[in-house]
Amino acid sequence: MNQEVILAHDLHRVKVRLHSEQSAAEPYADHYRKLLDNHGKMLRASLVLLFARMQRGASAPLDDSVITGAACIEMLHLATLVHDDVVDDADMRRNEPTVQTIVGNKAAIYLGDLILSRYIEIMAQIAPDLDFMREQASILCKILNGELSQESARHHTQTSVDHYIGAITGKTAALFEHSCITGLRLSTNGHPNQSMIEAAATFGRHLGIAFQIADDIEDFNLAEDTGKPKLEDISDGIYTLPVLLAQQENPAITQLLRDNDVNAVLAYLDSNPQIIETSKSWARQHIAQAEEILSKMSMEQGIRDLLVSMLDRFSAGI
């Protein structure tokens, strides 16, 4: 069977598992259900599945524990998005109204917490050993530290590129890294080869950094509908790579940021396309590093082809 068909089948099983999740918290059960069904591209679940198949083989059926683990990773990601939307007062996510615009901030926070709690509860049920659960706890710390690092720089016009990379390595890349590791752990009863774990973590980290940089670039692409509001970060005082590179090139950008003159910053980026292109090159460098790691990892050709195809599609979109 074609490997893309197999992955699509695995992802369908993940969607079914997500849909099976229920909440008794009336009158919010329908909102809980809708959140879990609006699952986006499921990149992180795909990484869990593909790295699990590195150990199980390209066509062997995956155990329910792997499918459940992939669903849990999506739940963790979703919980962070629900909380982000409250913090950012966002009104759209994946072309749907955000939950806090419907039920209010307090209920939205509790719904995000509920999803997060279920992630922990379900992962504990399928955990092959205590070390697995320690990793699950550790990833939460990394993500929250990344979010706090980003928050500490809000409206801070002296934010450095290094600080930005450090923040996204925590808040975004850590979950990509964790997705790869979780797939390996669940497919080997918790004890894959350590060198494989390290390679998988490095691959996921570079992919996650590239993903976040690309996502931040898209925030300035007003012509492209990405299912969420544009210019949200800069309007809220979060300065991403294109803004930081513009500052390095022209110190006058700093005063525009202090004045919160978003339109003037956008006009500068439009008239200096090399800044966006440089930002894209940063993302491509991390994709290239992920490709290099992948080339040294041992796996069946079908799995390698799917991961390379994922990187190629991602790189083509930058």
C-alpha atoms as a PDB file:
ATOM      1  CA  MET A   1       0.000   0.000   0.000  1.00  0.00           C
ATOM      2  CA  ASN A   2       1.204   3.538  -0.821  1.00  0.00           C
ATOM      3  CA  GLN A   3       2.841   5.168   2.235  1.00  0.00           C
ATOM      4  CA  GLU A   4       0.778   8.352   1.883  1.00  0.00           C
ATOM      5  CA  VAL A   5      -2.377   6.226   1.983  1.00  0.00           C
ATOM      6  CA  ILE A   6      -1.125   4.499   5.131  1.00  0.00           C
ATOM      7  CA  LEU A   7      -0.410   7.835   6.813  1.00  0.00           C
ATOM      8  CA  ALA A   8      -3.845   9.143   5.804  1.00  0.00           C
ATOM      9  CA  HIS A   9      -5.394   6.014   7.339  1.00  0.00           C
ATOM     10  CA  ASP A  10      -3.415   6.522  10.552  1.00  0.00           C
ATOM     11  CA  LEU A  11      -4.488  10.168  10.731  1.00  0.00           C
ATOM     12  CA  HIS A  12      -8.110   9.156  10.240  1.00  0.00           C
ATOM     13  CA  ARG A  13      -7.757   6.885  13.262  1.00  0.00           C
ATOM     14  CA  VAL A  14      -6.361   9.849  15.223  1.00  0.00           C
ATOM     15  CA  LYS A  15      -9.337  12.009  14.202  1.00  0.00           C
ATOM     16  CA  VAL A  16     -11.736   9.264  15.293  1.00  0.00           C
ATOM     17  CA  ARG A  17      -9.916   9.048  18.636  1.00  0.00           C
ATOM     18  CA  LEU A  18     -10.183  12.805  19.111  1.00  0.00           C
ATOM     19  CA  HIS A  19     -13.866  12.716  18.238  1.00  0.00           C
ATOM     20  CA  SER A  20     -14.450  10.037  20.878  1.00  0.00           C
ATOM     21  CA  GLU A  21     -13.435  12.494  23.600  1.00  0.00           C
ATOM     22  CA  GLN A  22     -16.428  13.706  25.580  1.00  0.00           C
ATOM     23  CA  SER A  23     -16.929  16.256  28.337  1.00  0.00           C
ATOM     24  CA  ALA A  24     -19.638  16.165  30.980  1.00  0.00           C
ATOM     25  CA  ALA A  25     -19.143  19.864  31.686  1.00  0.00           C
ATOM     26  CA  GLU A  26     -22.536  21.109  30.545  1.00  0.00           C
ATOM     27  CA  PRO A  27     -23.333  23.518  28.989  1.00  0.00           C
ATOM     28  CA  TYR A  28     -19.814  23.508  27.457  1.00  0.00           C
ATOM     29  CA  ALA A  29     -19.730  19.934  26.119  1.00  0.00           C
ATOM     30  CA  ASP A  30     -20.540  21.025  22.564  1.00  0.00           C
ATOM     31  CA  HIS A  31     -17.767  23.643  22.633  1.00  0.00           C
ATOM     32  CA  TYR A  32     -15.317  21.025  23.898  1.00  0.00           C
ATOM     33  CA  ARG A  33     -16.409  18.706  21.078  1.00  0.00           C
ATOM     34  CA  LYS A  34     -16.077  21.438  18.431  1.00  0.00           C
ATOM     35  CA  LEU A  35     -12.594  22.378  19.614  1.00  0.00           C
ATOM     36  CA  LEU A  36     -11.348  18.804  19.276  1.00  0.00           C
ATOM     37  CA  ASP A  37     -12.922  18.392  15.844  1.00  0.00           C
ATOM     38  CA  ASN A  38     -11.285  21.558  14.447  1.00  0.00           C
ATOM     39  CA  HIS A  39      -7.849  19.944  14.262  1.00  0.00           C
ATOM     40  CA  GLY A  40      -6.034  21.686  11.408  1.00  0.00           C
ATOM     41  CA  LYS A  41      -3.208  20.005   9.464  1.00  0.00           C
ATOM     42  CA  MET A  42      -2.168  17.695  12.316  1.00  0.00           C
ATOM     43  CA  LEU A  43       1.560  18.067  11.631  1.00  0.00           C
ATOM     44  CA  ARG A  44       2.486  17.074  15.155  1.00  0.00           C
ATOM     45  CA  ALA A  45       0.304  13.964  15.088  1.00  0.00           C
ATOM     46  CA  SER A  46       1.887  13.049  11.741  1.00  0.00           C
ATOM     47  CA  LEU A  47       5.331  13.226  13.328  1.00  0.00           C
ATOM     48  CA  VAL A  48       4.220  10.914  16.155  1.00  0.00           C
ATOM     49  CA  LEU A  49       2.934   8.410  13.598  1.00  0.00           C
ATOM     50  CA  LEU A  50       5.927   8.559  11.270  1.00  0.00           C
ATOM     51  CA  PHE A  51       8.489   8.228  14.042  1.00  0.00           C
ATOM     52  CA  ALA A  52       6.516   5.340  15.508  1.00  0.00           C
ATOM     53  CA  ARG A  53       6.720   3.653  12.109  1.00  0.00           C
ATOM     54  CA  MET A  54      10.500   4.001  12.137  1.00  0.00           C
ATOM     55  CA  GLN A  55      10.425   1.258  14.764  1.00  0.00           C
ATOM     56  CA  ARG A  56       7.319  -0.671  13.687  1.00  0.00           C
ATOM     57  CA  GLY A  57       7.851  -0.578   9.910  1.00  0.00           C
ATOM     58  CA  ALA A  58       6.261   1.343   7.074  1.00  0.00           C
ATOM     59  CA  SER A  59       3.183  -0.845   6.701  1.00  0.00           C
ATOM     60  CA  ALA A  60       2.680  -2.737   9.987  1.00  0.00           C
ATOM     61  CA  PRO A  61      -0.516  -1.720  11.848  1.00  0.00           C
ATOM     62  CA  LEU A  62       0.098   0.774  14.629  1.00  0.00           C
ATOM     63  CA  ASP A  63      -1.104  -0.080  18.131  1.00  0.00           C
ATOM     64  CA  ASP A  64      -3.965   1.897  19.615  1.00  0.00           C
ATOM     65  CA  SER A  65      -1.500   3.382  22.115  1.00  0.00           C
ATOM     66  CA  VAL A  66       0.390   5.123  19.299  1.00  0.00           C
ATOM     67  CA  ILE A  67      -2.837   6.476  17.792  1.00  0.00           C
ATOM     68  CA  THR A  68      -3.944   7.661  21.227  1.00  0.00           C
ATOM     69  CA  GLY A  69      -0.543   9.270  21.831  1.00  0.00           C
ATOM     70  CA  ALA A  70      -0.795  11.152  18.538  1.00  0.00           C
ATOM     71  CA  ALA A  71      -4.292  12.354  19.503  1.00  0.00           C
ATOM     72  CA  CYS A  72      -2.961  13.494  22.891  1.00  0.00           C
ATOM     73  CA  ILE A  73      -0.200  15.532  21.254  1.00  0.00           C
ATOM     74  CA  GLU A  74      -2.878  17.303  19.220  1.00  0.00           C
ATOM     75  CA  MET A  75      -4.841  17.912  22.423  1.00  0.00           C
ATOM     76  CA  LEU A  76      -1.797  19.475  24.066  1.00  0.00           C
ATOM     77  CA  HIS A  77      -1.276  21.708  21.046  1.00  0.00           C
ATOM     78  CA  LEU A  78      -4.948  22.677  21.029  1.00  0.00           C
ATOM     79  CA  ALA A  79      -4.892  23.563  24.731  1.00  0.00           C
ATOM     80  CA  THR A  80      -2.016  25.985  24.123  1.00  0.00           C
ATOM     81  CA  LEU A  81      -3.914  27.564  21.219  1.00  0.00           C
ATOM     82  CA  VAL A  82      -7.038  28.085  23.331  1.00  0.00           C
ATOM     83  CA  HIS A  83      -4.961  29.835  25.983  1.00  0.00           C
ATOM     84  CA  ASP A  84      -3.060  31.865  23.362  1.00  0.00           C
ATOM     85  CA  ASP A  85      -6.314  33.104  21.870  1.00  0.00           C
ATOM     86  CA  VAL A  86      -7.476  34.322  25.275  1.00  0.00           C
ATOM     87  CA  VAL A  87      -4.174  36.094  25.965  1.00  0.00           C
ATOM     88  CA  ASP A  88      -4.127  37.656  22.481  1.00  0.00           C
ATOM     89  CA  ASP A  89      -7.870  38.405  22.436  1.00  0.00           C
ATOM     90  CA  ALA A  90      -7.990  36.707  19.027  1.00  0.00           C
ATOM     91  CA  ASP A  91     -11.370  36.383  17.366  1.00  0.00           C
ATOM     92  CA  MET A  92     -10.546  33.792  14.668  1.00  0.00           C
ATOM     93  CA  ARG A  93      -8.656  30.489  14.601  1.00  0.00           C
ATOM     94  CA  ARG A  94      -8.646  28.061  11.672  1.00  0.00           C
ATOM     95  CA  ASN A  95     -11.373  30.107  10.006  1.00  0.00           C
ATOM     96  CA  GLU A  96     -13.691  29.655  12.991  1.00  0.00           C
ATOM     97  CA  PRO A  97     -14.598  32.073  15.804  1.00  0.00           C
ATOM     98  CA  THR A  98     -12.374  31.436  18.805  1.00  0.00           C
ATOM     99  CA  VAL A  99     -14.082  29.854  21.776  1.00  0.00           C
ATOM    100  CA  GLN A 100     -13.686  32.874  24.065  1.00  0.00           C
ATOM    101  CA  THR A 101     -15.663  35.032  21.628  1.00  0.00           C
ATOM    102  CA  ILE A 102     -18.564  32.628  22.216  1.00  0.00           C
ATOM    103  CA  VAL A 103     -18.336  31.648  25.897  1.00  0.00           C
ATOM    104  CA  GLY A 104     -16.062  34.329  27.343  1.00  0.00           C
ATOM    105  CA  ASN A 105     -12.489  34.299  28.629  1.00  0.00           C
ATOM    106  CA  LYS A 106     -13.063  32.471  31.915  1.00  0.00           C
ATOM    107  CA  ALA A 107     -14.892  29.521  30.368  1.00  0.00           C
ATOM    108  CA  ALA A 108     -12.357  29.396  27.514  1.00  0.00           C
ATOM    109  CA  ILE A 109      -9.463  29.180  29.975  1.00  0.00           C
ATOM    110  CA  TYR A 110     -11.190  26.369  31.841  1.00  0.00           C
ATOM    111  CA  LEU A 111     -11.884  24.539  28.556  1.00  0.00           C
ATOM    112  CA  GLY A 112      -8.200  24.837  27.652  1.00  0.00           C
ATOM    113  CA  ASP A 113      -7.287  23.545  31.116  1.00  0.00           C
ATOM    114  CA  LEU A 114      -9.743  20.667  30.713  1.00  0.00           C
ATOM    115  CA  ILE A 115      -8.160  19.607  27.423  1.00  0.00           C
ATOM    116  CA  LEU A 116      -4.720  19.856  29.016  1.00  0.00           C
ATOM    117  CA  SER A 117      -5.850  17.765  31.974  1.00  0.00           C
ATOM    118  CA  ARG A 118      -7.231  15.092  29.681  1.00  0.00           C
ATOM    119  CA  TYR A 119      -3.939  15.047  27.778  1.00  0.00           C
ATOM    120  CA  ILE A 120      -2.090  14.268  30.993  1.00  0.00           C
ATOM    121  CA  GLU A 121      -4.681  11.725  32.158  1.00  0.00           C
ATOM    122  CA  ILE A 122      -4.727   9.792  28.876  1.00  0.00           C
ATOM    123  CA  MET A 123      -0.946   9.837  28.499  1.00  0.00           C
ATOM    124  CA  ALA A 124      -0.657   8.376  32.010  1.00  0.00           C
ATOM    125  CA  GLN A 125      -2.960   5.535  30.940  1.00  0.00           C
ATOM    126  CA  ILE A 126      -0.763   4.558  27.958  1.00  0.00           C
ATOM    127  CA  ALA A 127       2.638   5.394  29.480  1.00  0.00           C
ATOM    128  CA  PRO A 128       5.105   2.522  29.068  1.00  0.00           C
ATOM    129  CA  ASP A 129       7.079   3.660  32.126  1.00  0.00           C
ATOM    130  CA  LEU A 130       7.619   6.513  34.568  1.00  0.00           C
ATOM    131  CA  ASP A 131      10.305   8.121  32.399  1.00  0.00           C
ATOM    132  CA  PHE A 132       7.678   8.599  29.689  1.00  0.00           C
ATOM    133  CA  MET A 133       5.512  10.634  32.067  1.00  0.00           C
ATOM    134  CA  ARG A 134       8.522  12.629  33.221  1.00  0.00           C
ATOM    135  CA  GLU A 135       9.023  13.614  29.588  1.00  0.00           C
ATOM    136  CA  GLN A 136       5.373  14.629  29.292  1.00  0.00           C
ATOM    137  CA  ALA A 137       5.762  16.883  32.348  1.00  0.00           C
ATOM    138  CA  SER A 138       9.047  18.260  31.060  1.00  0.00           C
ATOM    139  CA  ILE A 139       7.538  19.318  27.745  1.00  0.00           C
ATOM    140  CA  LEU A 140       4.892  21.344  29.564  1.00  0.00           C
ATOM    141  CA  CYS A 141       7.638  23.170  31.433  1.00  0.00           C
ATOM    142  CA  LYS A 142       9.521  23.894  28.198  1.00  0.00           C
ATOM    143  CA  ILE A 143       6.421  25.217  26.449  1.00  0.00           C
ATOM    144  CA  LEU A 144       5.411  27.419  29.369  1.00  0.00           C
ATOM    145  CA  ASN A 145       8.964  28.725  29.786  1.00  0.00           C
ATOM    146  CA  GLY A 146       8.960  29.601  26.087  1.00  0.00           C
ATOM    147  CA  GLU A 147       5.649  31.413  26.412  1.00  0.00           C
ATOM    148  CA  LEU A 148       6.897  33.315  29.467  1.00  0.00           C
ATOM    149  CA  SER A 149      10.107  34.211  27.622  1.00  0.00           C
ATOM    150  CA  GLN A 150       8.041  35.650  24.785  1.00  0.00           C
ATOM    151  CA  GLU A 151       5.760  37.482  27.229  1.00  0.00           C
ATOM    152  CA  SER A 152       8.734  39.020  29.045  1.00  0.00           C
ATOM    153  CA  ALA A 153       9.725  40.736  25.798  1.00  0.00           C
ATOM    154  CA  ARG A 154       6.274  42.165  24.987  1.00  0.00           C
ATOM    155  CA  HIS A 155       6.652  45.834  23.899  1.00  0.00           C
ATOM    156  CA  HIS A 156      10.375  45.510  24.622  1.00  0.00           C
ATOM    157  CA  THR A 157      12.045  47.331  21.731  1.00  0.00           C
ATOM    158  CA  GLN A 158      15.480  45.964  22.665  1.00  0.00           C
ATOM    159  CA  THR A 159      14.465  42.346  22.109  1.00  0.00           C
ATOM    160  CA  SER A 160      17.292  40.413  20.414  1.00  0.00           C
ATOM    161  CA  VAL A 161      17.089  37.804  17.701  1.00  0.00           C
ATOM    162  CA  ASP A 162      18.685  35.339  20.123  1.00  0.00           C
ATOM    163  CA  HIS A 163      15.876  35.967  22.625  1.00  0.00           C
ATOM    164  CA  TYR A 164      13.297  35.410  19.882  1.00  0.00           C
ATOM    165  CA  ILE A 165      14.897  32.115  18.805  1.00  0.00           C
ATOM    166  CA  GLY A 166      15.089  30.995  22.420  1.00  0.00           C
ATOM    167  CA  ALA A 167      11.402  31.731  22.974  1.00  0.00           C
ATOM    168  CA  ILE A 168      10.186  29.895  19.862  1.00  0.00           C
ATOM    169  CA  THR A 169      12.497  26.972  20.614  1.00  0.00           C
ATOM    170  CA  GLY A 170      10.457  26.547  23.785  1.00  0.00           C
ATOM    171  CA  LYS A 171       6.917  27.498  22.873  1.00  0.00           C
ATOM    172  CA  THR A 172       6.812  25.891  19.403  1.00  0.00           C
ATOM    173  CA  ALA A 173       9.831  23.763  18.569  1.00  0.00           C
ATOM    174  CA  ALA A 174       9.715  21.846  21.841  1.00  0.00           C
ATOM    175  CA  LEU A 175       6.363  20.322  20.874  1.00  0.00           C
ATOM    176  CA  PHE A 176       7.663  19.253  17.445  1.00  0.00           C
ATOM    177  CA  GLU A 177      10.656  17.689  19.185  1.00  0.00           C
ATOM    178  CA  HIS A 178       8.379  16.006  21.697  1.00  0.00           C
ATOM    179  CA  SER A 179       6.096  14.637  18.958  1.00  0.00           C
ATOM    180  CA  CYS A 180       9.006  12.803  17.345  1.00  0.00           C
ATOM    181  CA  ILE A 181      10.230  11.404  20.662  1.00  0.00           C
ATOM    182  CA  THR A 182       6.741  10.320  21.728  1.00  0.00           C
ATOM    183  CA  GLY A 183       6.322   8.290  18.529  1.00  0.00           C
ATOM    184  CA  LEU A 184       9.586   6.470  19.179  1.00  0.00           C
ATOM    185  CA  ARG A 185       8.817   5.847  22.848  1.00  0.00           C
ATOM    186  CA  LEU A 186       5.329   4.458  22.261  1.00  0.00           C
ATOM    187  CA  SER A 187       6.527   2.139  19.517  1.00  0.00           C
ATOM    188  CA  THR A 188       9.329   0.616  21.595  1.00  0.00           C
ATOM    189  CA  ASN A 189       7.679   0.348  25.038  1.00  0.00           C
ATOM    190  CA  GLY A 190       9.563   3.415  26.150  1.00  0.00           C
ATOM    191  CA  HIS A 191      13.127   2.332  25.374  1.00  0.00           C
ATOM    192  CA  PRO A 192      14.322   3.249  21.871  1.00  0.00           C
ATOM    193  CA  ASN A 193      17.996   3.618  21.052  1.00  0.00           C
ATOM    194  CA  GLN A 194      19.336   6.783  22.716  1.00  0.00           C
ATOM    195  CA  SER A 195      21.085   7.985  19.573  1.00  0.00           C
ATOM    196  CA  MET A 196      17.763   7.691  17.732  1.00  0.00           C
ATOM    197  CA  ILE A 197      16.064   9.754  20.446  1.00  0.00           C
ATOM    198  CA  GLU A 198      18.689  12.486  20.185  1.00  0.00           C
ATOM    199  CA  ALA A 199      18.480  12.572  16.392  1.00  0.00           C
ATOM    200  CA  ALA A 200      14.666  12.669  16.470  1.00  0.00           C
ATOM    201  CA  ALA A 201      14.721  15.511  19.004  1.00  0.00           C
ATOM    202  CA  THR A 202      17.146  17.542  16.912  1.00  0.00           C
ATOM    203  CA  PHE A 203      15.131  16.940  13.737  1.00  0.00           C
ATOM    204  CA  GLY A 204      11.916  18.055  15.434  1.00  0.00           C
ATOM    205  CA  ARG A 205      13.557  21.098  16.988  1.00  0.00           C
ATOM    206  CA  HIS A 206      14.840  22.425  13.663  1.00  0.00           C
ATOM    207  CA  LEU A 207      11.519  21.713  11.964  1.00  0.00           C
ATOM    208  CA  GLY A 208       9.636  23.498  14.742  1.00  0.00           C
ATOM    209  CA  ILE A 209      11.863  26.585  14.606  1.00  0.00           C
ATOM    210  CA  ALA A 210      11.415  26.768  10.828  1.00  0.00           C
ATOM    211  CA  PHE A 211       7.653  26.333  11.235  1.00  0.00           C
ATOM    212  CA  GLN A 212       7.368  29.227  13.707  1.00  0.00           C
ATOM    213  CA  ILE A 213       9.547  31.563  11.638  1.00  0.00           C
ATOM    214  CA  ALA A 214       7.417  30.798   8.575  1.00  0.00           C
ATOM    215  CA  ASP A 215       4.239  31.362  10.585  1.00  0.00           C
ATOM    216  CA  ASP A 216       5.566  34.704  11.809  1.00  0.00           C
ATOM    217  CA  ILE A 217       6.413  35.742   8.243  1.00  0.00           C
ATOM    218  CA  GLU A 218       2.858  34.888   7.144  1.00  0.00           C
ATOM    219  CA  ASP A 219       1.534  37.322   9.743  1.00  0.00           C
ATOM    220  CA  PHE A 220       2.743  40.116   7.421  1.00  0.00           C
ATOM    221  CA  ASN A 221       1.335  38.569   4.250  1.00  0.00           C
ATOM    222  CA  LEU A 222      -2.009  40.347   4.141  1.00  0.00           C
ATOM    223  CA  ALA A 223      -2.964  38.776   0.807  1.00  0.00           C
ATOM    224  CA  GLU A 224      -2.919  35.227   2.197  1.00  0.00           C
ATOM    225  CA  ASP A 225      -5.809  33.911   4.293  1.00  0.00           C
ATOM    226  CA  THR A 226      -4.369  31.740   7.062  1.00  0.00           C
ATOM    227  CA  GLY A 227      -7.563  31.438   9.081  1.00  0.00           C
ATOM    228  CA  LYS A 228      -6.516  33.903  11.785  1.00  0.00           C
ATOM    229  CA  PRO A 229      -6.077  37.695  12.064  1.00  0.00           C
ATOM    230  CA  LYS A 230      -3.034  39.373  10.511  1.00  0.00           C
ATOM    231  CA  LEU A 231      -0.505  41.693  12.206  1.00  0.00           C
ATOM    232  CA  GLU A 232      -1.613  40.314  15.552  1.00  0.00           C
ATOM    233  CA  ASP A 233       1.825  39.880  17.122  1.00  0.00           C
ATOM    234  CA  ILE A 234       3.254  43.284  16.255  1.00  0.00           C
ATOM    235  CA  SER A 235       0.000  44.983  17.273  1.00  0.00           C
ATOM    236  CA  ASP A 236       0.285  43.276  20.679  1.00  0.00           C
ATOM    237  CA  GLY A 237       3.948  44.161  21.140  1.00  0.00           C
ATOM    238  CA  ILE A 238       5.408  40.779  20.159  1.00  0.00           C
ATOM    239  CA  TYR A 239       8.320  41.447  17.817  1.00  0.00           C
ATOM    240  CA  THR A 240       9.106  38.512  15.546  1.00  0.00           C
ATOM    241  CA  LEU A 241      12.041  37.881  13.225  1.00  0.00           C
ATOM    242  CA  PRO A 242      11.071  40.224  10.332  1.00  0.00           C
ATOM    243  CA  VAL A 243      10.629  43.129  12.768  1.00  0.00           C
ATOM    244  CA  LEU A 244      13.866  42.378  14.598  1.00  0.00           C
ATOM    245  CA  LEU A 245      15.813  42.175  11.332  1.00  0.00           C
ATOM    246  CA  ALA A 246      14.228  45.449  10.200  1.00  0.00           C
ATOM    247  CA  GLN A 247      15.417  47.049  13.453  1.00  0.00           C
ATOM    248  CA  GLN A 248      18.939  45.815  12.838  1.00  0.00           C
ATOM    249  CA  GLU A 249      18.865  47.333   9.367  1.00  0.00           C
ATOM    250  CA  ASN A 250      17.199  50.613  10.328  1.00  0.00           C
ATOM    251  CA  PRO A 251      17.237  51.825  13.969  1.00  0.00           C
ATOM    252  CA  ALA A 252      14.374  54.217  13.142  1.00  0.00           C
ATOM    253  CA  ILE A 253      12.070  51.181  13.308  1.00  0.00           C
ATOM    254  CA  THR A 254      12.509  51.257  17.093  1.00  0.00           C
ATOM    255  CA  GLN A 255      10.643  54.544  17.406  1.00  0.00           C
ATOM    256  CA  LEU A 256       7.878  53.265  15.137  1.00  0.00           C
ATOM    257  CA  LEU A 257       7.465  50.321  17.511  1.00  0.00           C
ATOM    258  CA  ARG A 258       7.387  52.615  20.532  1.00  0.00           C
ATOM    259  CA  ASP A 259       4.656  54.602  18.789  1.00  0.00           C
ATOM    260  CA  ASN A 260       2.886  51.342  17.887  1.00  0.00           C
ATOM    261  CA  ASP A 261       2.797  52.575  14.278  1.00  0.00           C
ATOM    262  CA  VAL A 262       2.096  49.170  12.748  1.00  0.00           C
ATOM    263  CA  ASN A 263       1.226  50.597   9.338  1.00  0.00           C
ATOM    264  CA  ALA A 264       4.570  52.380   9.069  1.00  0.00           C
ATOM    265  CA  VAL A 265       6.467  49.187   9.968  1.00  0.00           C
ATOM    266  CA  LEU A 266       4.433  47.244   7.411  1.00  0.00           C
ATOM    267  CA  ALA A 267       5.172  49.901   4.761  1.00  0.00           C
ATOM    268  CA  TYR A 268       8.894  49.587   5.536  1.00  0.00           C
ATOM    269  CA  LEU A 269       8.775  45.807   5.136  1.00  0.00           C
ATOM    270  CA  ASP A 270       6.869  46.175   1.860  1.00  0.00           C
ATOM    271  CA  SER A 271       9.481  48.578   0.485  1.00  0.00           C
ATOM    272  CA  ASN A 272      12.380  46.439   1.729  1.00  0.00           C
ATOM    273  CA  PRO A 273      11.533  42.889   0.607  1.00  0.00           C
ATOM    274  CA  GLN A 274      15.042  41.698   1.412  1.00  0.00           C
ATOM    275  CA  ILE A 275      14.041  41.601   5.090  1.00  0.00           C
ATOM    276  CA  ILE A 276      11.287  39.056   4.514  1.00  0.00           C
ATOM    277  CA  GLU A 277      13.597  37.141   2.195  1.00  0.00           C
ATOM    278  CA  THR A 278      16.294  37.047   4.888  1.00  0.00           C
ATOM    279  CA  SER A 279      13.709  35.788   7.376  1.00  0.00           C
ATOM    280  CA  LYS A 280      12.755  33.047   4.926  1.00  0.00           C
ATOM    281  CA  SER A 281      16.396  32.082   4.548  1.00  0.00           C
ATOM    282  CA  TRP A 282      16.594  31.574   8.331  1.00  0.00           C
ATOM    283  CA  ALA A 283      13.677  29.138   8.097  1.00  0.00           C
ATOM    284  CA  ARG A 284      15.251  27.355   5.123  1.00  0.00           C
ATOM    285  CA  GLN A 285      18.509  26.930   7.041  1.00  0.00           C
ATOM    286  CA  HIS A 286      16.662  25.097   9.795  1.00  0.00           C
ATOM    287  CA  ILE A 287      14.882  22.936   7.218  1.00  0.00           C
ATOM    288  CA  ALA A 288      18.281  22.094   5.717  1.00  0.00           C
ATOM    289  CA  GLN A 289      19.567  21.124   9.152  1.00  0.00           C
ATOM    290  CA  ALA A 290      16.520  18.902   9.679  1.00  0.00           C
ATOM    291  CA  GLU A 291      17.184  17.277   6.287  1.00  0.00           C
ATOM    292  CA  GLU A 292      20.808  16.633   7.250  1.00  0.00           C
ATOM    293  CA  ILE A 293      19.770  14.932  10.482  1.00  0.00           C
ATOM    294  CA  LEU A 294      17.205  12.856   8.609  1.00  0.00           C
ATOM    295  CA  SER A 295      19.790  11.679   6.078  1.00  0.00           C
ATOM    296  CA  LYS A 296      21.805  10.066   8.884  1.00  0.00           C
ATOM    297  CA  MET A 297      18.893   8.265  10.554  1.00  0.00           C
ATOM    298  CA  SER A 298      18.125   4.606   9.934  1.00  0.00           C
ATOM    299  CA  MET A 299      14.587   3.907   8.645  1.00  0.00           C
ATOM    300  CA  GLU A 300      12.661   2.238   5.847  1.00  0.00           C
ATOM    301  CA  GLN A 301      12.685   4.141   2.581  1.00  0.00           C
ATOM    302  CA  GLY A 302       8.926   4.677   2.630  1.00  0.00           C
ATOM    303  CA  ILE A 303       9.114   6.558   5.944  1.00  0.00           C
ATOM    304  CA  ARG A 304      12.102   8.578   4.757  1.00  0.00           C
ATOM    305  CA  ASP A 305      10.241   9.546   1.590  1.00  0.00           C
ATOM    306  CA  LEU A 306       7.251  10.810   3.576  1.00  0.00           C
ATOM    307  CA  LEU A 307       9.417  12.898   5.908  1.00  0.00           C
ATOM    308  CA  VAL A 308      11.453  14.291   3.017  1.00  0.00           C
ATOM    309  CA  SER A 309       8.217  15.104   1.203  1.00  0.00           C
ATOM    310  CA  MET A 310       6.971  16.919   4.321  1.00  0.00           C
ATOM    311  CA  LEU A 311      10.162  18.987   4.455  1.00  0.00           C
ATOM    312  CA  ASP A 312      10.031  19.697   0.699  1.00  0.00           C
ATOM    313  CA  ARG A 313       6.426  20.911   0.846  1.00  0.00           C
ATOM    314  CA  PHE A 314       7.197  23.035   3.831  1.00  0.00           C
ATOM    315  CA  SER A 315      10.320  24.522   2.222  1.00  0.00           C
ATOM    316  CA  ALA A 316       8.427  25.263  -0.997  1.00  0.00           C
ATOM    317  CA  GLY A 317       5.875  27.269   0.950  1.00  0.00           C
ATOM    318  CA  ILE A 318       8.462  29.549   2.538  1.00  0.00           C
END
